[in-house]
Amino acid sequence: MKALLDWQGISRQGLTHSMAHYAWQNAYCERVQRTIKEYYLPYYTTDTYPSLCKGVRRAVQAYNQSKPHRGLPARLSPDQFITKYTQGAILIIVSTFGRQ
């Protein structure tokens, strides 16, 4: 019940839920946060809240635009993958092998 009340308080502030709608998605969110915290933020000045926000924005931009991802075809960055996918240059095949 407390979690529901907390969520209602957050939504009254105009914040929206954008990640991890299901429990199994949480691991992906945590991994992105860890990558940003360990591989990007140490190289930025983050001694004030505004500088931390700027550092996080820069890290997310670099993560999405520049960083190659092993889980994507040809180790593309997420932005490169989306561009190629929307152009029809990438075909995604979803397998349900072994699932019922």
PDB file of N, CA and C in Angstrom:
ATOM      1  N   MET A   1       0.827  -1.196   0.000  1.00  0.00           N
ATOM      2  CA  MET A   1       0.000   0.000   0.000  1.00  0.00           C
ATOM      3  C   MET A   1       0.869   1.257   0.000  1.00  0.00           C
ATOM      4  N   LYS A   2       1.967   1.233   0.794  1.00  0.00           N
ATOM      5  CA  LYS A   2       2.845   2.396   0.855  1.00  0.00           C
ATOM      6  C   LYS A   2       3.420   2.724  -0.520  1.00  0.00           C
ATOM      7  N   ALA A   3       3.789   1.677  -1.293  1.00  0.00           N
ATOM      8  CA  ALA A   3       4.348   1.901  -2.631  1.00  0.00           C
ATOM      9  C   ALA A   3       3.332   2.597  -3.524  1.00  0.00           C
ATOM     10  N   LEU A   4       2.062   2.197  -3.426  1.00  0.00           N
ATOM     11  CA  LEU A   4       1.018   2.834  -4.228  1.00  0.00           C
ATOM     12  C   LEU A   4       0.864   4.296  -3.840  1.00  0.00           C
ATOM     13  N   LEU A   5       0.873   4.580  -2.543  1.00  0.00           N
ATOM     14  CA  LEU A   5       0.762   5.966  -2.093  1.00  0.00           C
ATOM     15  C   LEU A   5       1.962   6.782  -2.543  1.00  0.00           C
ATOM     16  N   ASP A   6       3.162   6.194  -2.465  1.00  0.00           N
ATOM     17  CA  ASP A   6       4.360   6.889  -2.942  1.00  0.00           C
ATOM     18  C   ASP A   6       4.237   7.188  -4.423  1.00  0.00           C
ATOM     19  N   TRP A   7       3.760   6.208  -5.209  1.00  0.00           N
ATOM     20  CA  TRP A   7       3.628   6.406  -6.650  1.00  0.00           C
ATOM     21  C   TRP A   7       2.602   7.499  -6.952  1.00  0.00           C
ATOM     22  N   GLN A   8       1.504   7.523  -6.219  1.00  0.00           N
ATOM     23  CA  GLN A   8       0.500   8.559  -6.440  1.00  0.00           C
ATOM     24  C   GLN A   8       1.075   9.934  -6.128  1.00  0.00           C
ATOM     25  N   GLY A   9       1.901  10.022  -5.101  1.00  0.00           N
ATOM     26  CA  GLY A   9       2.546  11.292  -4.768  1.00  0.00           C
ATOM     27  C   GLY A   9       3.503  11.732  -5.854  1.00  0.00           C
ATOM     28  N   ILE A  10       4.231  10.789  -6.408  1.00  0.00           N
ATOM     29  CA  ILE A  10       5.163  11.099  -7.496  1.00  0.00           C
ATOM     30  C   ILE A  10       4.403  11.559  -8.731  1.00  0.00           C
ATOM     31  N   SER A  11       3.320  10.866  -9.068  1.00  0.00           N
ATOM     32  CA  SER A  11       2.579  11.233 -10.275  1.00  0.00           C
ATOM     33  C   SER A  11       1.920  12.600 -10.122  1.00  0.00           C
ATOM     34  N   ARG A  12       1.575  12.981  -8.904  1.00  0.00           N
ATOM     35  CA  ARG A  12       1.012  14.327  -8.694  1.00  0.00           C
ATOM     36  C   ARG A  12       2.046  15.412  -8.972  1.00  0.00           C
ATOM     37  N   GLN A  13       3.317  15.063  -8.889  1.00  0.00           N
ATOM     38  CA  GLN A  13       4.382  16.021  -9.177  1.00  0.00           C
ATOM     39  C   GLN A  13       4.629  16.148 -10.679  1.00  0.00           C
ATOM     40  N   GLY A  14       3.886  15.406 -11.489  1.00  0.00           N
ATOM     41  CA  GLY A  14       4.034  15.484 -12.929  1.00  0.00           C
ATOM     42  C   GLY A  14       5.058  14.524 -13.502  1.00  0.00           C
ATOM     43  N   LEU A  15       5.570  13.601 -12.672  1.00  0.00           N
ATOM     44  CA  LEU A  15       6.543  12.623 -13.155  1.00  0.00           C
ATOM     45  C   LEU A  15       5.809  11.430 -13.746  1.00  0.00           C
ATOM     46  N   THR A  16       6.384  10.857 -14.775  1.00  0.00           N
ATOM     47  CA  THR A  16       5.771   9.694 -15.391  1.00  0.00           C
ATOM     48  C   THR A  16       6.719   8.507 -15.335  1.00  0.00           C
ATOM     49  N   HIS A  17       6.148   7.340 -15.342  1.00  0.00           N
ATOM     50  CA  HIS A  17       6.908   6.092 -15.311  1.00  0.00           C
ATOM     51  C   HIS A  17       7.372   5.797 -16.729  1.00  0.00           C
ATOM     52  N   SER A  18       8.683   5.635 -16.914  1.00  0.00           N
ATOM     53  CA  SER A  18       9.177   5.428 -18.274  1.00  0.00           C
ATOM     54  C   SER A  18       9.996   4.155 -18.443  1.00  0.00           C
ATOM     55  N   MET A  19      10.357   3.490 -17.382  1.00  0.00           N
ATOM     56  CA  MET A  19      11.194   2.296 -17.499  1.00  0.00           C
ATOM     57  C   MET A  19      10.690   1.204 -16.566  1.00  0.00           C
ATOM     58  N   ALA A  20      11.069  -0.010 -16.882  1.00  0.00           N
ATOM     59  CA  ALA A  20      10.807  -1.186 -16.042  1.00  0.00           C
ATOM     60  C   ALA A  20       9.338  -1.316 -15.652  1.00  0.00           C
ATOM     61  N   HIS A  21       8.510  -1.492 -16.652  1.00  0.00           N
ATOM     62  CA  HIS A  21       7.096  -1.722 -16.380  1.00  0.00           C
ATOM     63  C   HIS A  21       6.857  -3.133 -15.842  1.00  0.00           C
ATOM     64  N   TYR A  22       7.827  -4.023 -16.063  1.00  0.00           N
ATOM     65  CA  TYR A  22       7.753  -5.401 -15.586  1.00  0.00           C
ATOM     66  C   TYR A  22       9.029  -5.720 -14.816  1.00  0.00           C
ATOM     67  N   ALA A  23       8.932  -6.604 -13.845  1.00  0.00           N
ATOM     68  CA  ALA A  23      10.078  -6.909 -12.980  1.00  0.00           C
ATOM     69  C   ALA A  23      11.290  -7.402 -13.767  1.00  0.00           C
ATOM     70  N   TRP A  24      11.083  -8.190 -14.818  1.00  0.00           N
ATOM     71  CA  TRP A  24      12.217  -8.730 -15.572  1.00  0.00           C
ATOM     72  C   TRP A  24      12.990  -7.639 -16.301  1.00  0.00           C
ATOM     73  N   GLN A  25      12.389  -6.466 -16.501  1.00  0.00           N
ATOM     74  CA  GLN A  25      13.079  -5.366 -17.176  1.00  0.00           C
ATOM     75  C   GLN A  25      14.030  -4.628 -16.238  1.00  0.00           C
ATOM     76  N   ASN A  26      13.871  -4.805 -14.957  1.00  0.00           N
ATOM     77  CA  ASN A  26      14.667  -4.062 -13.990  1.00  0.00           C
ATOM     78  C   ASN A  26      16.159  -4.316 -14.152  1.00  0.00           C
ATOM     79  N   ALA A  27      16.541  -5.538 -14.477  1.00  0.00           N
ATOM     80  CA  ALA A  27      17.968  -5.852 -14.638  1.00  0.00           C
ATOM     81  C   ALA A  27      18.598  -5.005 -15.735  1.00  0.00           C
ATOM     82  N   TYR A  28      17.870  -4.766 -16.821  1.00  0.00           N
ATOM     83  CA  TYR A  28      18.393  -3.936 -17.906  1.00  0.00           C
ATOM     84  C   TYR A  28      18.568  -2.488 -17.450  1.00  0.00           C
ATOM     85  N   CYS A  29      17.592  -1.988 -16.710  1.00  0.00           N
ATOM     86  CA  CYS A  29      17.676  -0.613 -16.197  1.00  0.00           C
ATOM     87  C   CYS A  29      18.861  -0.468 -15.249  1.00  0.00           C
ATOM     88  N   GLU A  30      19.022  -1.441 -14.365  1.00  0.00           N
ATOM     89  CA  GLU A  30      20.132  -1.400 -13.412  1.00  0.00           C
ATOM     90  C   GLU A  30      21.473  -1.441 -14.136  1.00  0.00           C
ATOM     91  N   ARG A  31      21.569  -2.221 -15.202  1.00  0.00           N
ATOM     92  CA  ARG A  31      22.830  -2.334 -15.938  1.00  0.00           C
ATOM     93  C   ARG A  31      23.186  -1.016 -16.615  1.00  0.00           C
ATOM     94  N   VAL A  32      22.213  -0.343 -17.188  1.00  0.00           N
ATOM     95  CA  VAL A  32      22.473   0.960 -17.813  1.00  0.00           C
ATOM     96  C   VAL A  32      22.947   1.947 -16.754  1.00  0.00           C
ATOM     97  N   GLN A  33      22.279   1.962 -15.610  1.00  0.00           N
ATOM     98  CA  GLN A  33      22.678   2.876 -14.539  1.00  0.00           C
ATOM     99  C   GLN A  33      24.100   2.582 -14.075  1.00  0.00           C
ATOM    100  N   ARG A  34      24.434   1.308 -13.940  1.00  0.00           N
ATOM    101  CA  ARG A  34      25.788   0.935 -13.508  1.00  0.00           C
ATOM    102  C   ARG A  34      26.829   1.379 -14.537  1.00  0.00           C
ATOM    103  N   THR A  35      26.542   1.172 -15.805  1.00  0.00           N
ATOM    104  CA  THR A  35      27.469   1.583 -16.862  1.00  0.00           C
ATOM    105  C   THR A  35      27.713   3.082 -16.806  1.00  0.00           C
ATOM    106  N   ILE A  36      26.660   3.855 -16.676  1.00  0.00           N
ATOM    107  CA  ILE A  36      26.801   5.315 -16.607  1.00  0.00           C
ATOM    108  C   ILE A  36      27.606   5.711 -15.376  1.00  0.00           C
ATOM    109  N   LYS A  37      27.278   5.099 -14.242  1.00  0.00           N
ATOM    110  CA  LYS A  37      27.945   5.444 -12.988  1.00  0.00           C
ATOM    111  C   LYS A  37      29.425   5.070 -12.995  1.00  0.00           C
ATOM    112  N   GLU A  38      29.764   3.914 -13.558  1.00  0.00           N
ATOM    113  CA  GLU A  38      31.146   3.432 -13.495  1.00  0.00           C
ATOM    114  C   GLU A  38      32.026   3.885 -14.654  1.00  0.00           C
ATOM    115  N   TYR A  39      31.440   4.064 -15.830  1.00  0.00           N
ATOM    116  CA  TYR A  39      32.263   4.314 -17.011  1.00  0.00           C
ATOM    117  C   TYR A  39      32.180   5.730 -17.566  1.00  0.00           C
ATOM    118  N   TYR A  40      31.222   6.515 -17.115  1.00  0.00           N
ATOM    119  CA  TYR A  40      31.090   7.870 -17.639  1.00  0.00           C
ATOM    120  C   TYR A  40      31.265   8.938 -16.558  1.00  0.00           C
ATOM    121  N   LEU A  41      30.483   8.841 -15.497  1.00  0.00           N
ATOM    122  CA  LEU A  41      30.479   9.909 -14.489  1.00  0.00           C
ATOM    123  C   LEU A  41      31.826  10.173 -13.832  1.00  0.00           C
ATOM    124  N   PRO A  42      32.695   9.183 -13.634  1.00  0.00           N
ATOM    125  CA  PRO A  42      33.994   9.500 -13.024  1.00  0.00           C
ATOM    126  C   PRO A  42      34.829  10.495 -13.836  1.00  0.00           C
ATOM    127  N   TYR A  43      34.520  10.628 -15.109  1.00  0.00           N
ATOM    128  CA  TYR A  43      35.291  11.527 -15.969  1.00  0.00           C
ATOM    129  C   TYR A  43      34.672  12.914 -16.093  1.00  0.00           C
ATOM    130  N   TYR A  44      33.540  13.126 -15.452  1.00  0.00           N
ATOM    131  CA  TYR A  44      32.861  14.419 -15.488  1.00  0.00           C
ATOM    132  C   TYR A  44      32.924  15.058 -14.103  1.00  0.00           C
ATOM    133  N   THR A  45      32.846  16.375 -14.068  1.00  0.00           N
ATOM    134  CA  THR A  45      32.750  17.080 -12.794  1.00  0.00           C
ATOM    135  C   THR A  45      31.307  16.969 -12.314  1.00  0.00           C
ATOM    136  N   THR A  46      31.122  16.364 -11.154  1.00  0.00           N
ATOM    137  CA  THR A  46      29.763  16.157 -10.634  1.00  0.00           C
ATOM    138  C   THR A  46      29.679  16.576  -9.171  1.00  0.00           C
ATOM    139  N   ASP A  47      30.289  17.711  -8.847  1.00  0.00           N
ATOM    140  CA  ASP A  47      30.317  18.132  -7.443  1.00  0.00           C
ATOM    141  C   ASP A  47      29.098  18.956  -7.035  1.00  0.00           C
ATOM    142  N   THR A  48      28.250  19.312  -7.983  1.00  0.00           N
ATOM    143  CA  THR A  48      27.001  20.006  -7.668  1.00  0.00           C
ATOM    144  C   THR A  48      25.870  19.284  -8.385  1.00  0.00           C
ATOM    145  N   TYR A  49      24.649  19.535  -7.946  1.00  0.00           N
ATOM    146  CA  TYR A  49      23.508  18.884  -8.594  1.00  0.00           C
ATOM    147  C   TYR A  49      23.399  19.260 -10.071  1.00  0.00           C
ATOM    148  N   PRO A  50      23.517  20.545 -10.436  1.00  0.00           N
ATOM    149  CA  PRO A  50      23.455  20.882 -11.868  1.00  0.00           C
ATOM    150  C   PRO A  50      24.567  20.214 -12.683  1.00  0.00           C
ATOM    151  N   SER A  51      25.778  20.128 -12.126  1.00  0.00           N
ATOM    152  CA  SER A  51      26.859  19.480 -12.878  1.00  0.00           C
ATOM    153  C   SER A  51      26.622  17.974 -12.983  1.00  0.00           C
ATOM    154  N   LEU A  52      26.009  17.374 -11.958  1.00  0.00           N
ATOM    155  CA  LEU A  52      25.653  15.961 -12.028  1.00  0.00           C
ATOM    156  C   LEU A  52      24.618  15.735 -13.130  1.00  0.00           C
ATOM    157  N   CYS A  53      23.595  16.589 -13.181  1.00  0.00           N
ATOM    158  CA  CYS A  53      22.569  16.470 -14.225  1.00  0.00           C
ATOM    159  C   CYS A  53      23.193  16.592 -15.611  1.00  0.00           C
ATOM    160  N   LYS A  54      24.099  17.543 -15.767  1.00  0.00           N
ATOM    161  CA  LYS A  54      24.782  17.727 -17.049  1.00  0.00           C
ATOM    162  C   LYS A  54      25.610  16.485 -17.386  1.00  0.00           C
ATOM    163  N   GLY A  55      26.312  15.939 -16.402  1.00  0.00           N
ATOM    164  CA  GLY A  55      27.110  14.738 -16.619  1.00  0.00           C
ATOM    165  C   GLY A  55      26.265  13.542 -17.012  1.00  0.00           C
ATOM    166  N   VAL A  56      25.121  13.386 -16.357  1.00  0.00           N
ATOM    167  CA  VAL A  56      24.230  12.273 -16.694  1.00  0.00           C
ATOM    168  C   VAL A  56      23.699  12.445 -18.116  1.00  0.00           C
ATOM    169  N   ARG A  57      23.305  13.669 -18.483  1.00  0.00           N
ATOM    170  CA  ARG A  57      22.836  13.917 -19.854  1.00  0.00           C
ATOM    171  C   ARG A  57      23.912  13.562 -20.877  1.00  0.00           C
ATOM    172  N   ARG A  58      25.145  13.989 -20.617  1.00  0.00           N
ATOM    173  CA  ARG A  58      26.261  13.684 -21.524  1.00  0.00           C
ATOM    174  C   ARG A  58      26.503  12.179 -21.595  1.00  0.00           C
ATOM    175  N   ALA A  59      26.431  11.510 -20.453  1.00  0.00           N
ATOM    176  CA  ALA A  59      26.666  10.065 -20.413  1.00  0.00           C
ATOM    177  C   ALA A  59      25.593   9.308 -21.191  1.00  0.00           C
ATOM    178  N   VAL A  60      24.344   9.683 -21.002  1.00  0.00           N
ATOM    179  CA  VAL A  60      23.249   9.020 -21.717  1.00  0.00           C
ATOM    180  C   VAL A  60      23.384   9.260 -23.219  1.00  0.00           C
ATOM    181  N   GLN A  61      23.739  10.473 -23.592  1.00  0.00           N
ATOM    182  CA  GLN A  61      23.934  10.790 -25.010  1.00  0.00           C
ATOM    183  C   GLN A  61      25.067   9.934 -25.594  1.00  0.00           C
ATOM    184  N   ALA A  62      26.184   9.855 -24.897  1.00  0.00           N
ATOM    185  CA  ALA A  62      27.309   9.046 -25.378  1.00  0.00           C
ATOM    186  C   ALA A  62      26.926   7.570 -25.436  1.00  0.00           C
ATOM    187  N   TYR A  63      26.209   7.101 -24.423  1.00  0.00           N
ATOM    188  CA  TYR A  63      25.786   5.700 -24.367  1.00  0.00           C
ATOM    189  C   TYR A  63      24.900   5.352 -25.562  1.00  0.00           C
ATOM    190  N   ASN A  64      23.978   6.234 -25.891  1.00  0.00           N
ATOM    191  CA  ASN A  64      23.035   5.961 -26.976  1.00  0.00           C
ATOM    192  C   ASN A  64      23.597   6.237 -28.364  1.00  0.00           C
ATOM    193  N   GLN A  65      24.515   7.196 -28.475  1.00  0.00           N
ATOM    194  CA  GLN A  65      24.986   7.601 -29.796  1.00  0.00           C
ATOM    195  C   GLN A  65      26.327   6.995 -30.187  1.00  0.00           C
ATOM    196  N   SER A  66      27.181   6.721 -29.247  1.00  0.00           N
ATOM    197  CA  SER A  66      28.548   6.329 -29.577  1.00  0.00           C
ATOM    198  C   SER A  66      28.926   4.916 -29.165  1.00  0.00           C
ATOM    199  N   LYS A  67      28.430   4.459 -28.035  1.00  0.00           N
ATOM    200  CA  LYS A  67      28.894   3.185 -27.474  1.00  0.00           C
ATOM    201  C   LYS A  67      28.382   1.999 -28.286  1.00  0.00           C
ATOM    202  N   PRO A  68      29.307   1.159 -28.785  1.00  0.00           N
ATOM    203  CA  PRO A  68      28.859  -0.062 -29.456  1.00  0.00           C
ATOM    204  C   PRO A  68      28.272  -1.035 -28.429  1.00  0.00           C
ATOM    205  N   HIS A  69      27.219  -1.728 -28.802  1.00  0.00           N
ATOM    206  CA  HIS A  69      26.546  -2.652 -27.893  1.00  0.00           C
ATOM    207  C   HIS A  69      26.648  -4.071 -28.438  1.00  0.00           C
ATOM    208  N   ARG A  70      27.174  -4.969 -27.620  1.00  0.00           N
ATOM    209  CA  ARG A  70      27.336  -6.364 -28.042  1.00  0.00           C
ATOM    210  C   ARG A  70      26.010  -7.031 -28.366  1.00  0.00           C
ATOM    211  N   GLY A  71      24.947  -6.592 -27.730  1.00  0.00           N
ATOM    212  CA  GLY A  71      23.646  -7.223 -27.940  1.00  0.00           C
ATOM    213  C   GLY A  71      22.929  -6.776 -29.197  1.00  0.00           C
ATOM    214  N   LEU A  72      23.493  -5.819 -29.925  1.00  0.00           N
ATOM    215  CA  LEU A  72      22.867  -5.336 -31.156  1.00  0.00           C
ATOM    216  C   LEU A  72      23.661  -5.818 -32.367  1.00  0.00           C
ATOM    217  N   PRO A  73      22.975  -6.007 -33.495  1.00  0.00           N
ATOM    218  CA  PRO A  73      23.678  -6.460 -34.699  1.00  0.00           C
ATOM    219  C   PRO A  73      24.839  -5.530 -35.056  1.00  0.00           C
ATOM    220  N   ALA A  74      25.950  -6.119 -35.462  1.00  0.00           N
ATOM    221  CA  ALA A  74      27.152  -5.378 -35.889  1.00  0.00           C
ATOM    222  C   ALA A  74      27.662  -4.427 -34.810  1.00  0.00           C
ATOM    223  N   ARG A  75      27.318  -4.719 -33.554  1.00  0.00           N
ATOM    224  CA  ARG A  75      27.760  -3.886 -32.415  1.00  0.00           C
ATOM    225  C   ARG A  75      27.413  -2.408 -32.623  1.00  0.00           C
ATOM    226  N   LEU A  76      26.220  -2.155 -33.123  1.00  0.00           N
ATOM    227  CA  LEU A  76      25.772  -0.784 -33.352  1.00  0.00           C
ATOM    228  C   LEU A  76      25.471  -0.098 -32.028  1.00  0.00           C
ATOM    229  N   SER A  77      25.462   1.234 -32.042  1.00  0.00           N
ATOM    230  CA  SER A  77      24.949   1.978 -30.895  1.00  0.00           C
ATOM    231  C   SER A  77      23.420   1.911 -30.978  1.00  0.00           C
ATOM    232  N   PRO A  78      22.704   2.171 -29.881  1.00  0.00           N
ATOM    233  CA  PRO A  78      21.242   2.148 -29.944  1.00  0.00           C
ATOM    234  C   PRO A  78      20.675   3.099 -31.004  1.00  0.00           C
ATOM    235  N   ASP A  79      21.208   4.304 -31.112  1.00  0.00           N
ATOM    236  CA  ASP A  79      20.708   5.245 -32.121  1.00  0.00           C
ATOM    237  C   ASP A  79      20.952   4.737 -33.537  1.00  0.00           C
ATOM    238  N   GLN A  80      22.126   4.152 -33.778  1.00  0.00           N
ATOM    239  CA  GLN A  80      22.416   3.596 -35.101  1.00  0.00           C
ATOM    240  C   GLN A  80      21.462   2.443 -35.415  1.00  0.00           C
ATOM    241  N   PHE A  81      21.197   1.614 -34.414  1.00  0.00           N
ATOM    242  CA  PHE A  81      20.285   0.491 -34.606  1.00  0.00           C
ATOM    243  C   PHE A  81      18.889   0.985 -34.975  1.00  0.00           C
ATOM    244  N   ILE A  82      18.381   1.964 -34.238  1.00  0.00           N
ATOM    245  CA  ILE A  82      17.040   2.491 -34.511  1.00  0.00           C
ATOM    246  C   ILE A  82      16.973   3.078 -35.917  1.00  0.00           C
ATOM    247  N   THR A  83      17.999   3.829 -36.305  1.00  0.00           N
ATOM    248  CA  THR A  83      18.029   4.417 -37.648  1.00  0.00           C
ATOM    249  C   THR A  83      17.980   3.331 -38.715  1.00  0.00           C
ATOM    250  N   LYS A  84      18.834   2.331 -38.593  1.00  0.00           N
ATOM    251  CA  LYS A  84      18.872   1.254 -39.589  1.00  0.00           C
ATOM    252  C   LYS A  84      17.580   0.437 -39.581  1.00  0.00           C
ATOM    253  N   TYR A  85      17.012   0.216 -38.396  1.00  0.00           N
ATOM    254  CA  TYR A  85      15.770  -0.547 -38.306  1.00  0.00           C
ATOM    255  C   TYR A  85      14.623   0.201 -38.981  1.00  0.00           C
ATOM    256  N   THR A  86      14.500   1.499 -38.728  1.00  0.00           N
ATOM    257  CA  THR A  86      13.409   2.271 -39.330  1.00  0.00           C
ATOM    258  C   THR A  86      13.587   2.431 -40.836  1.00  0.00           C
ATOM    259  N   GLN A  87      14.807   2.325 -41.320  1.00  0.00           N
ATOM    260  CA  GLN A  87      15.064   2.375 -42.761  1.00  0.00           C
ATOM    261  C   GLN A  87      14.845   1.016 -43.421  1.00  0.00           C
ATOM    262  N   GLY A  88      14.561  -0.001 -42.627  1.00  0.00           N
ATOM    263  CA  GLY A  88      14.347  -1.340 -43.158  1.00  0.00           C
ATOM    264  C   GLY A  88      15.632  -2.091 -43.442  1.00  0.00           C
ATOM    265  N   ALA A  89      16.751  -1.588 -42.938  1.00  0.00           N
ATOM    266  CA  ALA A  89      18.046  -2.219 -43.197  1.00  0.00           C
ATOM    267  C   ALA A  89      18.336  -3.375 -42.245  1.00  0.00           C
ATOM    268  N   ILE A  90      17.516  -3.535 -41.212  1.00  0.00           N
ATOM    269  CA  ILE A  90      17.716  -4.608 -40.232  1.00  0.00           C
ATOM    270  C   ILE A  90      16.405  -5.361 -40.069  1.00  0.00           C
ATOM    271  N   LEU A  91      16.493  -6.667 -40.117  1.00  0.00           N
ATOM    272  CA  LEU A  91      15.344  -7.528 -39.895  1.00  0.00           C
ATOM    273  C   LEU A  91      15.504  -8.172 -38.525  1.00  0.00           C
ATOM    274  N   ILE A  92      14.474  -8.116 -37.719  1.00  0.00           N
ATOM    275  CA  ILE A  92      14.513  -8.725 -36.389  1.00  0.00           C
ATOM    276  C   ILE A  92      13.682  -9.996 -36.426  1.00  0.00           C
ATOM    277  N   ILE A  93      14.295 -11.086 -36.024  1.00  0.00           N
ATOM    278  CA  ILE A  93      13.595 -12.364 -35.950  1.00  0.00           C
ATOM    279  C   ILE A  93      13.492 -12.740 -34.479  1.00  0.00           C
ATOM    280  N   VAL A  94      12.279 -12.912 -34.015  1.00  0.00           N
ATOM    281  CA  VAL A  94      12.040 -13.273 -32.622  1.00  0.00           C
ATOM    282  C   VAL A  94      11.761 -14.767 -32.567  1.00  0.00           C
ATOM    283  N   SER A  95      12.527 -15.462 -31.769  1.00  0.00           N
ATOM    284  CA  SER A  95      12.368 -16.904 -31.636  1.00  0.00           C
ATOM    285  C   SER A  95      11.691 -17.226 -30.315  1.00  0.00           C
ATOM    286  N   THR A  96      10.774 -18.144 -30.363  1.00  0.00           N
ATOM    287  CA  THR A  96      10.141 -18.629 -29.136  1.00  0.00           C
ATOM    288  C   THR A  96      10.576 -20.061 -28.866  1.00  0.00           C
ATOM    289  N   PHE A  97      11.690 -20.460 -29.450  1.00  0.00           N
ATOM    290  CA  PHE A  97      12.199 -21.817 -29.287  1.00  0.00           C
ATOM    291  C   PHE A  97      12.358 -22.145 -27.806  1.00  0.00           C
ATOM    292  N   GLY A  98      11.792 -23.258 -27.405  1.00  0.00           N
ATOM    293  CA  GLY A  98      11.927 -23.708 -26.034  1.00  0.00           C
ATOM    294  C   GLY A  98      10.929 -23.098 -25.069  1.00  0.00           C
ATOM    295  N   ARG A  99      10.096 -22.204 -25.540  1.00  0.00           N
ATOM    296  CA  ARG A  99       9.086 -21.595 -24.656  1.00  0.00           C
ATOM    297  C   ARG A  99       7.717 -22.157 -24.990  1.00  0.00           C
ATOM    298  N   GLN A 100       6.884 -22.233 -23.996  1.00  0.00           N
ATOM    299  CA  GLN A 100       5.534 -22.754 -24.231  1.00  0.00           C
ATOM    300  C   GLN A 100       4.519 -21.661 -24.086  1.00  0.00           C
TER     301      GLN A 100
END
